[in-house]
C-alpha atoms as a PDB file:
ATOM      1  CA  MET A   1       0.000   0.000   0.000  1.00  0.00           C
ATOM      2  CA  SER A   2       1.319   3.426  -0.836  1.00  0.00           C
ATOM      3  CA  ASP A   3       1.371   5.909   2.028  1.00  0.00           C
ATOM      4  CA  GLN A   4      -0.385   8.598  -0.033  1.00  0.00           C
ATOM      5  CA  SER A   5      -3.531   6.551  -0.707  1.00  0.00           C
ATOM      6  CA  THR A   6      -3.673   4.713   2.603  1.00  0.00           C
ATOM      7  CA  PHE A   7      -6.397   5.455   5.138  1.00  0.00           C
ATOM      8  CA  ARG A   8      -5.200   4.913   8.710  1.00  0.00           C
ATOM      9  CA  GLU A   9      -6.977   4.608  12.016  1.00  0.00           C
ATOM     10  CA  ASP A  10      -5.598   3.793  15.457  1.00  0.00           C
ATOM     11  CA  VAL A  11      -7.421   1.365  17.732  1.00  0.00           C
ATOM     12  CA  GLU A  12      -6.454   0.999  21.380  1.00  0.00           C
ATOM     13  CA  VAL A  13      -7.213  -2.076  23.456  1.00  0.00           C
ATOM     14  CA  SER A  14      -6.395  -2.834  27.053  1.00  0.00           C
ATOM     15  CA  GLY A  15      -7.157  -5.511  29.579  1.00  0.00           C
ATOM     16  CA  HIS A  16      -6.313  -9.198  29.465  1.00  0.00           C
ATOM     17  CA  ILE A  17      -5.901  -9.051  25.686  1.00  0.00           C
ATOM     18  CA  ILE A  18      -3.210 -11.731  25.479  1.00  0.00           C
ATOM     19  CA  ASP A  19      -4.545 -14.584  27.622  1.00  0.00           C
ATOM     20  CA  SER A  20      -8.127 -14.027  26.440  1.00  0.00           C
ATOM     21  CA  LEU A  21      -6.914 -14.084  22.789  1.00  0.00           C
ATOM     22  CA  ILE A  22      -8.551 -10.715  22.110  1.00  0.00           C
ATOM     23  CA  LEU A  23      -5.439  -9.242  20.486  1.00  0.00           C
ATOM     24  CA  PRO A  24      -4.858 -12.082  17.996  1.00  0.00           C
ATOM     25  CA  THR A  25      -8.585 -12.124  17.208  1.00  0.00           C
ATOM     26  CA  ILE A  26      -8.528  -8.411  16.418  1.00  0.00           C
ATOM     27  CA  LEU A  27      -5.478  -8.825  14.186  1.00  0.00           C
ATOM     28  CA  ASP A  28      -7.159 -11.742  12.371  1.00  0.00           C
ATOM     29  CA  HIS A  29     -10.287  -9.625  11.768  1.00  0.00           C
ATOM     30  CA  ILE A  30      -8.226  -6.757  10.397  1.00  0.00           C
ATOM     31  CA  MET A  31      -6.479  -9.032   7.901  1.00  0.00           C
ATOM     32  CA  ALA A  32      -9.721 -10.839   6.974  1.00  0.00           C
ATOM     33  CA  ALA A  33     -11.253  -7.455   6.129  1.00  0.00           C
ATOM     34  CA  GLY A  34      -8.466  -6.848   3.615  1.00  0.00           C
ATOM     35  CA  ALA A  35      -6.642  -4.278   5.727  1.00  0.00           C
ATOM     36  CA  SER A  36      -3.207  -4.381   7.272  1.00  0.00           C
ATOM     37  CA  PHE A  37      -1.962  -3.338  10.683  1.00  0.00           C
ATOM     38  CA  ARG A  38       1.054  -2.095  12.550  1.00  0.00           C
ATOM     39  CA  LEU A  39       1.495  -2.480  16.292  1.00  0.00           C
ATOM     40  CA  LYS A  40       2.485   1.056  17.228  1.00  0.00           C
ATOM     41  CA  GLU A  41       2.715   0.368  20.941  1.00  0.00           C
ATOM     42  CA  ILE A  42       2.358  -2.726  23.091  1.00  0.00           C
ATOM     43  CA  ASP A  43       2.804  -3.206  26.824  1.00  0.00           C
ATOM     44  CA  ILE A  44       2.316  -6.750  28.085  1.00  0.00           C
ATOM     45  CA  GLY A  45       1.592  -7.301  31.772  1.00  0.00           C
ATOM     46  CA  GLN A  46       4.268  -9.258  33.601  1.00  0.00           C
ATOM     47  CA  HIS A  47       2.069 -10.821  36.287  1.00  0.00           C
ATOM     48  CA  ARG A  48      -1.223 -12.700  36.144  1.00  0.00           C
ATOM     49  CA  ALA A  49      -3.257  -9.753  37.452  1.00  0.00           C
ATOM     50  CA  ASP A  50      -1.527  -7.205  35.196  1.00  0.00           C
ATOM     51  CA  GLN A  51      -3.394  -5.845  32.221  1.00  0.00           C
ATOM     52  CA  SER A  52      -1.874  -5.369  28.797  1.00  0.00           C
ATOM     53  CA  TYR A  53      -2.232  -2.521  26.314  1.00  0.00           C
ATOM     54  CA  ALA A  54      -1.844  -2.258  22.547  1.00  0.00           C
ATOM     55  CA  ARG A  55      -2.241   0.575  20.061  1.00  0.00           C
ATOM     56  CA  ILE A  56      -2.838  -0.790  16.571  1.00  0.00           C
ATOM     57  CA  GLU A  57      -2.710   1.251  13.392  1.00  0.00           C
ATOM     58  CA  ILE A  58      -5.183  -0.117  10.828  1.00  0.00           C
ATOM     59  CA  ARG A  59      -4.244   0.638   7.218  1.00  0.00           C
ATOM     60  CA  THR A  60      -6.427   0.297   4.159  1.00  0.00           C
ATOM     61  CA  GLU A  61      -6.703   1.881   0.739  1.00  0.00           C
ATOM     62  CA  ASP A  62     -10.505   1.860   1.023  1.00  0.00           C
ATOM     63  CA  PRO A  63     -11.706   4.301   3.717  1.00  0.00           C
ATOM     64  CA  GLN A  64     -15.110   2.578   3.738  1.00  0.00           C
ATOM     65  CA  LEU A  65     -13.431  -0.590   4.974  1.00  0.00           C
ATOM     66  CA  VAL A  66     -13.107   0.810   8.477  1.00  0.00           C
ATOM     67  CA  PHE A  67     -16.886   0.596   8.674  1.00  0.00           C
ATOM     68  CA  ASP A  68     -16.812  -3.087   7.735  1.00  0.00           C
ATOM     69  CA  ASP A  69     -18.202  -5.472  10.357  1.00  0.00           C
ATOM     70  CA  ASP A  70     -14.773  -7.007  10.935  1.00  0.00           C
ATOM     71  CA  ILE A  71     -13.255  -3.663  11.829  1.00  0.00           C
ATOM     72  CA  ALA A  72     -16.313  -2.834  13.938  1.00  0.00           C
ATOM     73  CA  LEU A  73     -15.491  -5.944  15.976  1.00  0.00           C
ATOM     74  CA  CYS A  74     -12.146  -4.346  16.840  1.00  0.00           C
ATOM     75  CA  ARG A  75     -13.937  -1.332  18.219  1.00  0.00           C
ATOM     76  CA  LYS A  76     -16.408  -3.557  20.105  1.00  0.00           C
ATOM     77  CA  ALA A  77     -13.580  -5.566  21.657  1.00  0.00           C
ATOM     78  CA  ARG A  78     -11.975  -2.332  22.827  1.00  0.00           C
ATOM     79  CA  ARG A  79     -15.222  -1.137  24.445  1.00  0.00           C
ATOM     80  CA  ASP A  80     -15.984  -4.475  26.113  1.00  0.00           C
ATOM     81  CA  LEU A  81     -12.703  -4.693  28.020  1.00  0.00           C
END
């Protein structure tokens, strides 16, 4: 994807996103929707009670794609944590 025609949106998720498989599920949904991603920031908790945090940049050449159901699931996962 060329940077000039790429639409980008950041999604932030926090909570138990590693052990609950939320983070890999989000990344799978992004790719299934035909978009790509870049992990801009990630902080993984070191202890069982610690929460993790990730900021994901979603990239697509089609700005309408961010309204796709798969991308909407990313937003829902973020809200549900």
